[in-house]
Amino acid sequence: MLVLAVDTATPAVTAGVVRLAGDEPRTLSSRVTVNARAHAEVLTPLILECLAEVGHTPPDLDAVVVGCGPGPFTGLRVGMATAAAFGDALGIPVYGVCSLDAIAVEAALGRDLLVVTDARRREVYWARYSGGVRVSGPAVDKPADVNPLPSNVVAGSAAHVDLFDLPVEPVETPSPAGLVQVARHELIDGAEPEPLVPLYLRRPDAVEIANRTR
């Protein structure tokens, strides 16, 4: 199974082509560009570069996996809209996963884990994991209000992991293989995808002004 994996829930714009055969996703090609203001400009070119690198074209894809956050409104919707567009154009399923879960599958290694990413406004998105299973979150809070216990390791945003008195596992953003690993059972079973629901966790900064009647 050839899977396109994308994530724009963090300042990193991530795209990759992953081969899923058996239990272990294998990344064939990947691109990561760290630019919180250029998600819309760079994501599709990164996807096409990944496909070209391994000699494939979009019609060769069997499914798409996309990180659904939590993440800032503008960046997150770019990845989800792009994934949905590829799925609709190609007639293939699109599976949404929690972006924090994708970090956790690479960082947990059987340990109790805290994952944090940048939520701006001096806050973090966070979730806790035990035995590879999410047990708390996702949520958004100020770092001082996040109780890391019983976690014994932290992963995620390099600018925020040092705010917690825990050893750091250097997994900062979701990888293509991590995204596919989270959706692995659904992909293998050919399950009908759930509707894509973005994990904004708070209202967007920009809101539409309601029409007023005089």
N, C-alpha and C. Protein backbone atom coordinates (compact mmCIF):
# COMPACT_ATOMS: atom_id res chain seq x y z
N MET A 1 0.84 -1.19 0.00
CA MET A 1 0.00 0.00 0.00
C MET A 1 0.88 1.24 0.00
N LEU A 2 0.62 2.15 -0.93
CA LEU A 2 1.40 3.38 -1.05
C LEU A 2 0.57 4.51 -0.45
N VAL A 3 1.15 5.18 0.56
CA VAL A 3 0.40 6.15 1.34
C VAL A 3 1.10 7.51 1.30
N LEU A 4 0.33 8.55 1.03
CA LEU A 4 0.81 9.92 1.18
C LEU A 4 0.52 10.37 2.59
N ALA A 5 1.54 10.92 3.29
CA ALA A 5 1.37 11.41 4.65
C ALA A 5 1.76 12.88 4.71
N VAL A 6 0.89 13.71 5.30
CA VAL A 6 1.17 15.14 5.39
C VAL A 6 0.79 15.64 6.78
N ASP A 7 1.49 16.68 7.22
CA ASP A 7 1.16 17.31 8.49
C ASP A 7 1.58 18.77 8.45
N THR A 8 0.67 19.65 8.88
CA THR A 8 0.97 21.09 8.98
C THR A 8 0.51 21.63 10.33
N ALA A 9 0.51 20.79 11.35
CA ALA A 9 0.03 21.19 12.67
C ALA A 9 1.07 21.95 13.47
N THR A 10 2.32 21.94 13.02
CA THR A 10 3.41 22.63 13.70
C THR A 10 4.05 23.58 12.70
N PRO A 11 5.06 24.35 13.10
CA PRO A 11 5.76 25.19 12.11
C PRO A 11 6.41 24.39 10.98
N ALA A 12 6.57 23.09 11.16
CA ALA A 12 7.14 22.24 10.11
C ALA A 12 6.05 21.81 9.13
N VAL A 13 6.32 21.98 7.84
CA VAL A 13 5.45 21.46 6.78
C VAL A 13 6.04 20.13 6.35
N THR A 14 5.31 19.05 6.62
CA THR A 14 5.84 17.70 6.41
C THR A 14 5.04 16.96 5.35
N ALA A 15 5.75 16.33 4.43
CA ALA A 15 5.13 15.48 3.41
C ALA A 15 6.00 14.26 3.20
N GLY A 16 5.39 13.14 2.89
CA GLY A 16 6.18 11.94 2.63
C GLY A 16 5.36 10.88 1.93
N VAL A 17 6.05 9.99 1.25
CA VAL A 17 5.44 8.82 0.64
C VAL A 17 5.92 7.60 1.42
N VAL A 18 4.96 6.82 1.91
CA VAL A 18 5.27 5.71 2.81
C VAL A 18 4.70 4.42 2.23
N ARG A 19 5.50 3.38 2.27
CA ARG A 19 5.05 2.05 1.86
C ARG A 19 4.63 1.29 3.11
N LEU A 20 3.38 0.84 3.16
CA LEU A 20 2.90 0.05 4.29
C LEU A 20 2.76 -1.39 3.85
N ALA A 21 3.65 -2.22 4.38
CA ALA A 21 3.63 -3.65 4.09
C ALA A 21 3.87 -4.37 5.41
N GLY A 22 2.88 -5.08 5.90
CA GLY A 22 3.01 -5.69 7.22
C GLY A 22 2.82 -4.66 8.30
N ASP A 23 3.60 -4.79 9.39
CA ASP A 23 3.39 -3.93 10.55
C ASP A 23 4.22 -2.66 10.52
N GLU A 24 5.24 -2.58 9.69
CA GLU A 24 6.17 -1.46 9.76
C GLU A 24 6.06 -0.56 8.54
N PRO A 25 5.61 0.68 8.72
CA PRO A 25 5.63 1.63 7.60
C PRO A 25 7.07 1.96 7.22
N ARG A 26 7.34 2.04 5.92
CA ARG A 26 8.69 2.36 5.46
C ARG A 26 8.62 3.63 4.62
N THR A 27 9.33 4.67 5.08
CA THR A 27 9.34 5.94 4.36
C THR A 27 10.18 5.82 3.10
N LEU A 28 9.58 6.07 1.95
CA LEU A 28 10.29 6.03 0.68
C LEU A 28 10.91 7.37 0.35
N SER A 29 10.21 8.46 0.70
CA SER A 29 10.74 9.80 0.48
C SER A 29 10.02 10.74 1.43
N SER A 30 10.70 11.80 1.83
CA SER A 30 10.07 12.77 2.72
C SER A 30 10.70 14.14 2.52
N ARG A 31 9.93 15.16 2.84
CA ARG A 31 10.38 16.54 2.79
C ARG A 31 9.82 17.26 4.02
N VAL A 32 10.66 18.08 4.64
CA VAL A 32 10.24 18.89 5.78
C VAL A 32 10.78 20.29 5.59
N THR A 33 9.89 21.28 5.62
CA THR A 33 10.28 22.68 5.55
C THR A 33 9.73 23.38 6.78
N VAL A 34 10.60 23.98 7.57
CA VAL A 34 10.16 24.68 8.78
C VAL A 34 9.92 26.14 8.44
N ASN A 35 8.65 26.48 8.31
CA ASN A 35 8.26 27.85 8.00
C ASN A 35 6.78 27.99 8.35
N ALA A 36 6.50 28.59 9.50
CA ALA A 36 5.14 28.67 9.99
C ALA A 36 4.23 29.52 9.12
N ARG A 37 4.81 30.32 8.21
CA ARG A 37 4.00 31.22 7.39
C ARG A 37 3.90 30.78 5.93
N ALA A 38 4.42 29.61 5.60
CA ALA A 38 4.46 29.21 4.19
C ALA A 38 3.82 27.86 3.93
N HIS A 39 2.93 27.42 4.82
CA HIS A 39 2.31 26.10 4.63
C HIS A 39 1.64 25.98 3.27
N ALA A 40 0.85 26.99 2.91
CA ALA A 40 0.08 26.91 1.66
C ALA A 40 0.97 26.92 0.43
N GLU A 41 2.09 27.63 0.51
CA GLU A 41 2.98 27.76 -0.65
C GLU A 41 3.82 26.52 -0.90
N VAL A 42 4.20 25.82 0.15
CA VAL A 42 5.21 24.77 -0.04
C VAL A 42 4.66 23.35 0.03
N LEU A 43 3.46 23.14 0.59
CA LEU A 43 3.03 21.76 0.82
C LEU A 43 2.87 20.97 -0.47
N THR A 44 2.09 21.47 -1.42
CA THR A 44 1.88 20.70 -2.65
C THR A 44 3.17 20.47 -3.42
N PRO A 45 4.06 21.48 -3.58
CA PRO A 45 5.35 21.18 -4.22
C PRO A 45 6.14 20.11 -3.49
N LEU A 46 6.09 20.08 -2.15
CA LEU A 46 6.80 19.04 -1.41
C LEU A 46 6.22 17.66 -1.71
N ILE A 47 4.89 17.58 -1.79
CA ILE A 47 4.25 16.31 -2.11
C ILE A 47 4.70 15.81 -3.48
N LEU A 48 4.69 16.69 -4.46
CA LEU A 48 5.06 16.29 -5.82
C LEU A 48 6.53 15.91 -5.90
N GLU A 49 7.38 16.60 -5.12
CA GLU A 49 8.80 16.22 -5.08
C GLU A 49 8.97 14.82 -4.51
N CYS A 50 8.24 14.51 -3.45
CA CYS A 50 8.34 13.18 -2.84
C CYS A 50 7.92 12.09 -3.82
N LEU A 51 6.82 12.32 -4.52
CA LEU A 51 6.35 11.33 -5.49
C LEU A 51 7.36 11.15 -6.62
N ALA A 52 7.87 12.26 -7.13
CA ALA A 52 8.82 12.18 -8.25
C ALA A 52 10.10 11.47 -7.83
N GLU A 53 10.53 11.68 -6.60
CA GLU A 53 11.78 11.06 -6.14
C GLU A 53 11.73 9.54 -6.19
N VAL A 54 10.54 8.97 -5.98
CA VAL A 54 10.42 7.51 -5.96
C VAL A 54 9.74 6.99 -7.22
N GLY A 55 9.62 7.85 -8.24
CA GLY A 55 9.10 7.40 -9.52
C GLY A 55 7.62 7.12 -9.54
N HIS A 56 6.86 7.83 -8.72
CA HIS A 56 5.41 7.64 -8.69
C HIS A 56 4.70 8.93 -9.05
N THR A 57 3.43 8.79 -9.39
CA THR A 57 2.56 9.93 -9.65
C THR A 57 1.34 9.81 -8.72
N PRO A 58 0.58 10.88 -8.55
CA PRO A 58 -0.57 10.80 -7.63
C PRO A 58 -1.50 9.60 -7.85
N PRO A 59 -1.81 9.20 -9.10
CA PRO A 59 -2.72 8.06 -9.25
C PRO A 59 -2.19 6.75 -8.67
N ASP A 60 -0.90 6.68 -8.35
CA ASP A 60 -0.35 5.46 -7.75
C ASP A 60 -0.69 5.34 -6.27
N LEU A 61 -1.16 6.41 -5.65
CA LEU A 61 -1.43 6.40 -4.22
C LEU A 61 -2.67 5.57 -3.89
N ASP A 62 -2.62 4.88 -2.75
CA ASP A 62 -3.75 4.08 -2.28
C ASP A 62 -4.53 4.77 -1.16
N ALA A 63 -3.89 5.70 -0.43
CA ALA A 63 -4.56 6.37 0.68
C ALA A 63 -3.75 7.59 1.08
N VAL A 64 -4.38 8.44 1.87
CA VAL A 64 -3.72 9.63 2.42
C VAL A 64 -3.93 9.62 3.93
N VAL A 65 -2.88 9.98 4.67
CA VAL A 65 -2.99 10.17 6.12
C VAL A 65 -2.56 11.60 6.42
N VAL A 66 -3.36 12.30 7.22
CA VAL A 66 -3.08 13.70 7.51
C VAL A 66 -3.17 13.95 9.01
N GLY A 67 -2.23 14.75 9.52
CA GLY A 67 -2.30 15.18 10.91
C GLY A 67 -3.40 16.21 11.09
N CYS A 68 -4.29 15.97 12.06
CA CYS A 68 -5.42 16.86 12.31
C CYS A 68 -5.20 17.77 13.51
N GLY A 69 -3.96 17.89 13.94
CA GLY A 69 -3.65 18.76 15.05
C GLY A 69 -3.56 18.01 16.36
N PRO A 70 -3.61 18.77 17.45
CA PRO A 70 -3.95 20.18 17.53
C PRO A 70 -2.90 21.08 16.90
N GLY A 71 -3.37 22.22 16.40
CA GLY A 71 -2.49 23.17 15.76
C GLY A 71 -3.19 24.47 15.50
N PRO A 72 -2.44 25.52 15.15
CA PRO A 72 -3.04 26.81 14.83
C PRO A 72 -3.97 26.71 13.63
N PHE A 73 -4.97 27.54 13.60
CA PHE A 73 -6.06 27.45 12.62
C PHE A 73 -5.55 27.49 11.19
N THR A 74 -4.77 28.51 10.84
CA THR A 74 -4.41 28.71 9.44
C THR A 74 -3.55 27.58 8.91
N GLY A 75 -2.48 27.24 9.61
CA GLY A 75 -1.59 26.20 9.14
C GLY A 75 -2.27 24.85 9.07
N LEU A 76 -3.04 24.52 10.10
CA LEU A 76 -3.66 23.20 10.17
C LEU A 76 -4.63 22.97 9.02
N ARG A 77 -5.42 23.98 8.68
CA ARG A 77 -6.42 23.77 7.64
C ARG A 77 -5.77 23.59 6.27
N VAL A 78 -4.55 24.12 6.06
CA VAL A 78 -3.86 23.92 4.78
C VAL A 78 -3.61 22.44 4.55
N GLY A 79 -3.03 21.77 5.54
CA GLY A 79 -2.73 20.35 5.39
C GLY A 79 -3.97 19.51 5.21
N MET A 80 -5.01 19.80 5.99
CA MET A 80 -6.22 19.00 5.91
C MET A 80 -6.96 19.23 4.60
N ALA A 81 -7.00 20.48 4.14
CA ALA A 81 -7.66 20.76 2.87
C ALA A 81 -6.91 20.12 1.71
N THR A 82 -5.58 20.16 1.77
CA THR A 82 -4.78 19.54 0.70
C THR A 82 -4.98 18.04 0.68
N ALA A 83 -4.96 17.42 1.85
CA ALA A 83 -5.17 15.97 1.93
C ALA A 83 -6.55 15.60 1.40
N ALA A 84 -7.55 16.37 1.79
CA ALA A 84 -8.91 16.08 1.32
C ALA A 84 -9.01 16.25 -0.20
N ALA A 85 -8.31 17.25 -0.74
CA ALA A 85 -8.35 17.47 -2.18
C ALA A 85 -7.72 16.31 -2.94
N PHE A 86 -6.57 15.82 -2.45
CA PHE A 86 -5.94 14.66 -3.09
C PHE A 86 -6.87 13.45 -3.02
N GLY A 87 -7.47 13.22 -1.85
CA GLY A 87 -8.37 12.07 -1.71
C GLY A 87 -9.56 12.16 -2.64
N ASP A 88 -10.15 13.36 -2.76
CA ASP A 88 -11.32 13.54 -3.60
C ASP A 88 -10.96 13.38 -5.08
N ALA A 89 -9.83 13.97 -5.48
CA ALA A 89 -9.44 13.90 -6.88
C ALA A 89 -9.08 12.49 -7.32
N LEU A 90 -8.48 11.73 -6.40
CA LEU A 90 -8.00 10.39 -6.74
C LEU A 90 -8.98 9.29 -6.36
N GLY A 91 -10.02 9.63 -5.61
CA GLY A 91 -10.98 8.63 -5.17
C GLY A 91 -10.40 7.65 -4.18
N ILE A 92 -9.54 8.13 -3.27
CA ILE A 92 -8.91 7.26 -2.28
C ILE A 92 -9.25 7.76 -0.88
N PRO A 93 -9.18 6.88 0.13
CA PRO A 93 -9.55 7.30 1.49
C PRO A 93 -8.51 8.23 2.11
N VAL A 94 -9.01 9.12 2.97
CA VAL A 94 -8.15 10.05 3.71
C VAL A 94 -8.40 9.83 5.20
N TYR A 95 -7.35 9.47 5.93
CA TYR A 95 -7.47 9.18 7.35
C TYR A 95 -6.83 10.31 8.16
N GLY A 96 -7.57 10.86 9.10
CA GLY A 96 -7.03 11.89 9.98
C GLY A 96 -6.53 11.29 11.28
N VAL A 97 -5.41 11.77 11.76
CA VAL A 97 -4.84 11.29 13.02
C VAL A 97 -4.42 12.48 13.87
N CYS A 98 -4.32 12.28 15.16
CA CYS A 98 -3.81 13.30 16.07
C CYS A 98 -2.31 13.45 15.85
N SER A 99 -1.87 14.67 15.56
CA SER A 99 -0.45 14.90 15.28
C SER A 99 0.43 14.57 16.49
N LEU A 100 -0.07 14.80 17.70
CA LEU A 100 0.70 14.46 18.90
C LEU A 100 0.90 12.94 18.99
N ASP A 101 -0.10 12.17 18.57
CA ASP A 101 0.03 10.71 18.57
C ASP A 101 1.16 10.26 17.65
N ALA A 102 1.31 10.97 16.52
CA ALA A 102 2.36 10.60 15.56
C ALA A 102 3.75 10.86 16.13
N ILE A 103 3.89 11.91 16.94
CA ILE A 103 5.16 12.13 17.64
C ILE A 103 5.38 11.03 18.67
N ALA A 104 4.31 10.68 19.38
CA ALA A 104 4.42 9.72 20.47
C ALA A 104 4.84 8.33 20.00
N VAL A 105 4.36 7.89 18.83
CA VAL A 105 4.70 6.52 18.41
C VAL A 105 6.19 6.36 18.14
N GLU A 106 6.87 7.46 17.84
CA GLU A 106 8.31 7.38 17.62
C GLU A 106 9.11 7.63 18.90
N ALA A 107 8.51 8.35 19.85
CA ALA A 107 9.26 8.76 21.04
C ALA A 107 8.99 7.91 22.27
N ALA A 108 7.85 7.23 22.33
CA ALA A 108 7.44 6.59 23.58
C ALA A 108 8.35 5.44 23.97
N LEU A 109 8.54 4.49 23.05
CA LEU A 109 9.40 3.33 23.33
C LEU A 109 9.03 2.65 24.64
N GLY A 110 7.73 2.53 24.89
CA GLY A 110 7.26 1.84 26.09
C GLY A 110 7.29 2.67 27.35
N ARG A 111 7.70 3.94 27.27
CA ARG A 111 7.80 4.77 28.47
C ARG A 111 6.58 5.67 28.61
N ASP A 112 6.39 6.18 29.83
CA ASP A 112 5.38 7.21 30.03
C ASP A 112 5.92 8.51 29.44
N LEU A 113 5.13 9.15 28.60
CA LEU A 113 5.63 10.22 27.75
C LEU A 113 4.71 11.42 27.79
N LEU A 114 5.31 12.62 27.79
CA LEU A 114 4.60 13.87 27.58
C LEU A 114 5.02 14.43 26.23
N VAL A 115 4.05 14.80 25.39
CA VAL A 115 4.33 15.43 24.10
C VAL A 115 3.78 16.86 24.14
N VAL A 116 4.63 17.82 23.74
CA VAL A 116 4.20 19.22 23.72
C VAL A 116 4.58 19.84 22.38
N THR A 117 3.69 20.69 21.85
CA THR A 117 4.00 21.46 20.65
C THR A 117 3.57 22.90 20.88
N ASP A 118 4.06 23.78 20.03
CA ASP A 118 3.85 25.22 20.19
C ASP A 118 2.41 25.60 19.86
N ALA A 119 1.72 26.19 20.84
CA ALA A 119 0.36 26.68 20.62
C ALA A 119 0.31 28.20 20.51
N ARG A 120 1.51 28.84 20.52
CA ARG A 120 1.60 30.30 20.52
C ARG A 120 0.94 30.85 21.79
N ARG A 121 0.88 32.16 21.91
CA ARG A 121 0.30 32.82 23.09
C ARG A 121 0.93 32.31 24.39
N ARG A 122 2.18 31.88 24.33
CA ARG A 122 2.89 31.33 25.49
C ARG A 122 2.21 30.11 26.06
N GLU A 123 1.59 29.33 25.18
CA GLU A 123 0.92 28.10 25.58
C GLU A 123 1.45 26.92 24.76
N VAL A 124 1.10 25.72 25.20
CA VAL A 124 1.49 24.51 24.47
C VAL A 124 0.26 23.63 24.28
N TYR A 125 0.26 22.92 23.16
CA TYR A 125 -0.63 21.78 23.01
C TYR A 125 0.07 20.59 23.65
N TRP A 126 -0.66 19.75 24.35
CA TRP A 126 0.00 18.65 25.04
C TRP A 126 -0.90 17.42 25.13
N ALA A 127 -0.24 16.28 25.32
CA ALA A 127 -0.94 15.02 25.62
C ALA A 127 0.05 14.12 26.35
N ARG A 128 -0.48 13.24 27.19
CA ARG A 128 0.35 12.27 27.91
C ARG A 128 0.03 10.86 27.42
N TYR A 129 1.05 10.01 27.45
CA TYR A 129 0.94 8.65 26.93
C TYR A 129 1.53 7.66 27.93
N SER A 130 0.93 6.48 28.00
CA SER A 130 1.46 5.41 28.83
C SER A 130 1.31 4.10 28.07
N GLY A 131 2.41 3.38 27.91
CA GLY A 131 2.36 2.13 27.16
C GLY A 131 1.96 2.33 25.72
N GLY A 132 2.27 3.51 25.16
CA GLY A 132 1.93 3.79 23.78
C GLY A 132 0.51 4.24 23.56
N VAL A 133 -0.26 4.42 24.64
CA VAL A 133 -1.67 4.82 24.54
C VAL A 133 -1.84 6.21 25.14
N ARG A 134 -2.57 7.07 24.45
CA ARG A 134 -2.84 8.40 24.99
C ARG A 134 -3.79 8.28 26.18
N VAL A 135 -3.36 8.85 27.32
CA VAL A 135 -4.15 8.77 28.55
C VAL A 135 -4.68 10.13 29.00
N SER A 136 -4.13 11.22 28.46
CA SER A 136 -4.61 12.57 28.77
C SER A 136 -4.41 13.46 27.55
N GLY A 137 -5.35 14.39 27.35
CA GLY A 137 -5.24 15.30 26.23
C GLY A 137 -5.85 14.70 24.97
N PRO A 138 -5.72 15.43 23.87
CA PRO A 138 -4.96 16.67 23.72
C PRO A 138 -5.65 17.86 24.37
N ALA A 139 -4.83 18.82 24.82
CA ALA A 139 -5.33 20.01 25.47
C ALA A 139 -4.37 21.15 25.18
N VAL A 140 -4.78 22.36 25.55
CA VAL A 140 -3.92 23.52 25.38
C VAL A 140 -3.88 24.28 26.70
N ASP A 141 -2.66 24.58 27.18
CA ASP A 141 -2.49 25.26 28.46
C ASP A 141 -1.15 25.98 28.47
N LYS A 142 -0.97 26.83 29.46
CA LYS A 142 0.35 27.39 29.72
C LYS A 142 1.23 26.27 30.26
N PRO A 143 2.53 26.26 29.91
CA PRO A 143 3.40 25.18 30.38
C PRO A 143 3.36 24.97 31.89
N ALA A 144 3.27 26.05 32.65
CA ALA A 144 3.25 25.93 34.11
C ALA A 144 2.02 25.20 34.61
N ASP A 145 0.96 25.15 33.79
CA ASP A 145 -0.27 24.50 34.21
C ASP A 145 -0.36 23.04 33.75
N VAL A 146 0.67 22.57 33.05
CA VAL A 146 0.69 21.19 32.56
C VAL A 146 1.43 20.33 33.58
N ASN A 147 0.75 19.35 34.13
CA ASN A 147 1.37 18.42 35.07
C ASN A 147 2.01 17.29 34.27
N PRO A 148 3.35 17.19 34.24
CA PRO A 148 3.99 16.18 33.41
C PRO A 148 3.91 14.77 34.00
N LEU A 149 3.64 14.65 35.28
CA LEU A 149 3.64 13.33 35.93
C LEU A 149 2.45 12.51 35.50
N PRO A 150 2.59 11.20 35.35
CA PRO A 150 3.76 10.39 35.69
C PRO A 150 4.76 10.20 34.55
N SER A 151 4.78 11.10 33.58
CA SER A 151 5.69 10.95 32.46
C SER A 151 7.14 10.95 32.93
N ASN A 152 7.98 10.16 32.26
CA ASN A 152 9.41 10.17 32.57
C ASN A 152 10.27 10.59 31.40
N VAL A 153 9.62 11.11 30.33
CA VAL A 153 10.35 11.65 29.19
C VAL A 153 9.41 12.61 28.47
N VAL A 154 9.98 13.62 27.79
CA VAL A 154 9.18 14.58 27.05
C VAL A 154 9.70 14.68 25.63
N ALA A 155 8.80 14.90 24.68
CA ALA A 155 9.17 15.07 23.27
C ALA A 155 8.33 16.18 22.68
N GLY A 156 8.79 16.71 21.55
CA GLY A 156 8.03 17.73 20.85
C GLY A 156 8.84 18.97 20.59
N SER A 157 8.18 20.12 20.64
CA SER A 157 8.78 21.40 20.28
C SER A 157 10.07 21.66 21.04
N ALA A 158 11.14 21.90 20.28
CA ALA A 158 12.45 22.14 20.91
C ALA A 158 12.44 23.38 21.77
N ALA A 159 11.57 24.33 21.47
CA ALA A 159 11.49 25.57 22.25
C ALA A 159 10.73 25.40 23.55
N HIS A 160 10.11 24.23 23.76
CA HIS A 160 9.25 24.06 24.93
C HIS A 160 9.59 22.84 25.78
N VAL A 161 10.26 21.85 25.24
CA VAL A 161 10.53 20.65 26.03
C VAL A 161 11.39 20.94 27.25
N ASP A 162 12.26 21.95 27.15
CA ASP A 162 13.14 22.25 28.28
C ASP A 162 12.42 22.96 29.42
N LEU A 163 11.15 23.30 29.21
CA LEU A 163 10.37 23.89 30.29
C LEU A 163 9.90 22.85 31.29
N PHE A 164 10.14 21.58 30.97
CA PHE A 164 9.71 20.49 31.84
C PHE A 164 10.94 19.74 32.35
N ASP A 165 10.91 19.39 33.61
CA ASP A 165 12.06 18.75 34.25
C ASP A 165 12.06 17.25 33.96
N LEU A 166 12.26 16.96 32.65
CA LEU A 166 12.24 15.57 32.19
C LEU A 166 13.32 15.37 31.14
N PRO A 167 13.86 14.15 31.01
CA PRO A 167 14.75 13.88 29.88
C PRO A 167 14.01 14.10 28.56
N VAL A 168 14.75 14.56 27.56
CA VAL A 168 14.15 14.91 26.27
C VAL A 168 14.43 13.83 25.24
N GLU A 169 13.39 13.36 24.60
CA GLU A 169 13.52 12.48 23.44
C GLU A 169 13.45 13.36 22.20
N PRO A 170 14.49 13.37 21.35
CA PRO A 170 14.57 14.35 20.26
C PRO A 170 13.68 14.02 19.06
N VAL A 171 12.38 13.97 19.29
CA VAL A 171 11.40 13.84 18.22
C VAL A 171 10.54 15.10 18.29
N GLU A 172 10.72 16.01 17.33
CA GLU A 172 10.12 17.34 17.45
C GLU A 172 8.79 17.47 16.72
N THR A 173 8.64 16.78 15.60
CA THR A 173 7.45 16.94 14.77
C THR A 173 7.00 15.57 14.25
N PRO A 174 5.75 15.47 13.79
CA PRO A 174 5.30 14.20 13.22
C PRO A 174 6.09 13.85 11.95
N SER A 175 6.48 12.61 11.82
CA SER A 175 7.14 12.14 10.60
C SER A 175 6.11 11.43 9.74
N PRO A 176 6.38 11.28 8.44
CA PRO A 176 5.45 10.52 7.60
C PRO A 176 5.19 9.11 8.12
N ALA A 177 6.25 8.41 8.54
CA ALA A 177 6.07 7.05 9.05
C ALA A 177 5.26 7.04 10.33
N GLY A 178 5.49 8.04 11.20
CA GLY A 178 4.72 8.13 12.43
C GLY A 178 3.25 8.35 12.18
N LEU A 179 2.93 9.23 11.23
CA LEU A 179 1.53 9.47 10.87
C LEU A 179 0.87 8.19 10.37
N VAL A 180 1.55 7.47 9.50
CA VAL A 180 0.99 6.23 8.94
C VAL A 180 0.86 5.17 10.03
N GLN A 181 1.83 5.12 10.94
CA GLN A 181 1.77 4.13 12.01
C GLN A 181 0.52 4.31 12.87
N VAL A 182 0.14 5.56 13.12
CA VAL A 182 -1.06 5.81 13.93
C VAL A 182 -2.31 5.29 13.23
N ALA A 183 -2.34 5.39 11.91
CA ALA A 183 -3.51 4.95 11.14
C ALA A 183 -3.37 3.53 10.60
N ARG A 184 -2.35 2.83 11.06
CA ARG A 184 -2.00 1.54 10.44
C ARG A 184 -3.16 0.55 10.43
N HIS A 185 -3.85 0.38 11.54
CA HIS A 185 -4.92 -0.62 11.60
C HIS A 185 -6.04 -0.29 10.62
N GLU A 186 -6.41 0.99 10.55
CA GLU A 186 -7.47 1.38 9.62
C GLU A 186 -7.04 1.16 8.17
N LEU A 187 -5.78 1.49 7.89
CA LEU A 187 -5.28 1.29 6.53
C LEU A 187 -5.28 -0.18 6.14
N ILE A 188 -4.78 -1.03 7.02
CA ILE A 188 -4.70 -2.46 6.71
C ILE A 188 -6.09 -3.08 6.57
N ASP A 189 -7.01 -2.65 7.45
CA ASP A 189 -8.37 -3.22 7.42
C ASP A 189 -9.22 -2.62 6.30
N GLY A 190 -8.74 -1.53 5.70
CA GLY A 190 -9.56 -0.86 4.69
C GLY A 190 -10.80 -0.23 5.28
N ALA A 191 -10.69 0.24 6.53
CA ALA A 191 -11.84 0.80 7.23
C ALA A 191 -12.29 2.10 6.58
N GLU A 192 -13.57 2.37 6.68
CA GLU A 192 -14.11 3.64 6.19
C GLU A 192 -13.58 4.77 7.07
N PRO A 193 -12.95 5.78 6.48
CA PRO A 193 -12.41 6.86 7.31
C PRO A 193 -13.51 7.65 8.01
N GLU A 194 -13.19 8.11 9.22
CA GLU A 194 -14.06 9.06 9.89
C GLU A 194 -13.94 10.41 9.20
N PRO A 195 -14.95 11.26 9.28
CA PRO A 195 -14.83 12.62 8.72
C PRO A 195 -13.65 13.35 9.35
N LEU A 196 -12.96 14.14 8.53
CA LEU A 196 -11.82 14.90 9.03
C LEU A 196 -12.30 16.02 9.94
N VAL A 197 -11.82 16.03 11.17
CA VAL A 197 -12.21 17.04 12.15
C VAL A 197 -10.93 17.67 12.70
N PRO A 198 -10.71 18.95 12.44
CA PRO A 198 -9.49 19.60 12.95
C PRO A 198 -9.55 19.80 14.46
N LEU A 199 -8.43 19.56 15.11
CA LEU A 199 -8.32 19.77 16.55
C LEU A 199 -7.75 21.17 16.80
N TYR A 200 -8.62 22.16 16.74
CA TYR A 200 -8.16 23.53 16.98
C TYR A 200 -7.99 23.79 18.48
N LEU A 201 -8.88 23.25 19.29
CA LEU A 201 -8.89 23.37 20.76
C LEU A 201 -9.20 24.77 21.26
N ARG A 202 -9.18 25.76 20.39
CA ARG A 202 -9.62 27.09 20.77
C ARG A 202 -10.06 27.82 19.51
N ARG A 203 -10.73 28.93 19.69
CA ARG A 203 -11.26 29.67 18.56
C ARG A 203 -10.12 30.31 17.76
N PRO A 204 -10.29 30.44 16.42
CA PRO A 204 -9.26 31.10 15.62
C PRO A 204 -9.14 32.56 15.97
N ASP A 205 -7.94 33.12 15.75
CA ASP A 205 -7.72 34.54 16.00
C ASP A 205 -8.58 35.41 15.09
N ALA A 206 -8.72 34.99 13.84
CA ALA A 206 -9.50 35.76 12.87
C ALA A 206 -10.92 35.21 12.82
N VAL A 207 -11.91 36.06 13.05
CA VAL A 207 -13.30 35.63 13.01
C VAL A 207 -14.07 36.54 12.07
N GLU A 208 -15.09 35.96 11.47
CA GLU A 208 -15.92 36.74 10.54
C GLU A 208 -16.83 37.66 11.31
N ILE A 209 -16.91 38.90 10.88
CA ILE A 209 -17.81 39.86 11.52
C ILE A 209 -19.23 39.58 11.06
N ALA A 210 -20.10 39.38 12.01
CA ALA A 210 -21.49 39.05 11.68
C ALA A 210 -22.16 40.23 10.98
N ASN A 211 -23.01 39.92 10.01
CA ASN A 211 -23.77 40.96 9.34
C ASN A 211 -24.74 41.61 10.32
N ARG A 212 -24.83 42.88 10.24
CA ARG A 212 -25.73 43.60 11.15
C ARG A 212 -26.88 44.20 10.34
N THR A 213 -28.04 44.14 10.92
CA THR A 213 -29.21 44.76 10.29
C THR A 213 -29.48 46.07 10.98
N ARG A 214 -29.81 47.04 10.20
CA ARG A 214 -30.10 48.38 10.75
C ARG A 214 -31.57 48.48 11.12
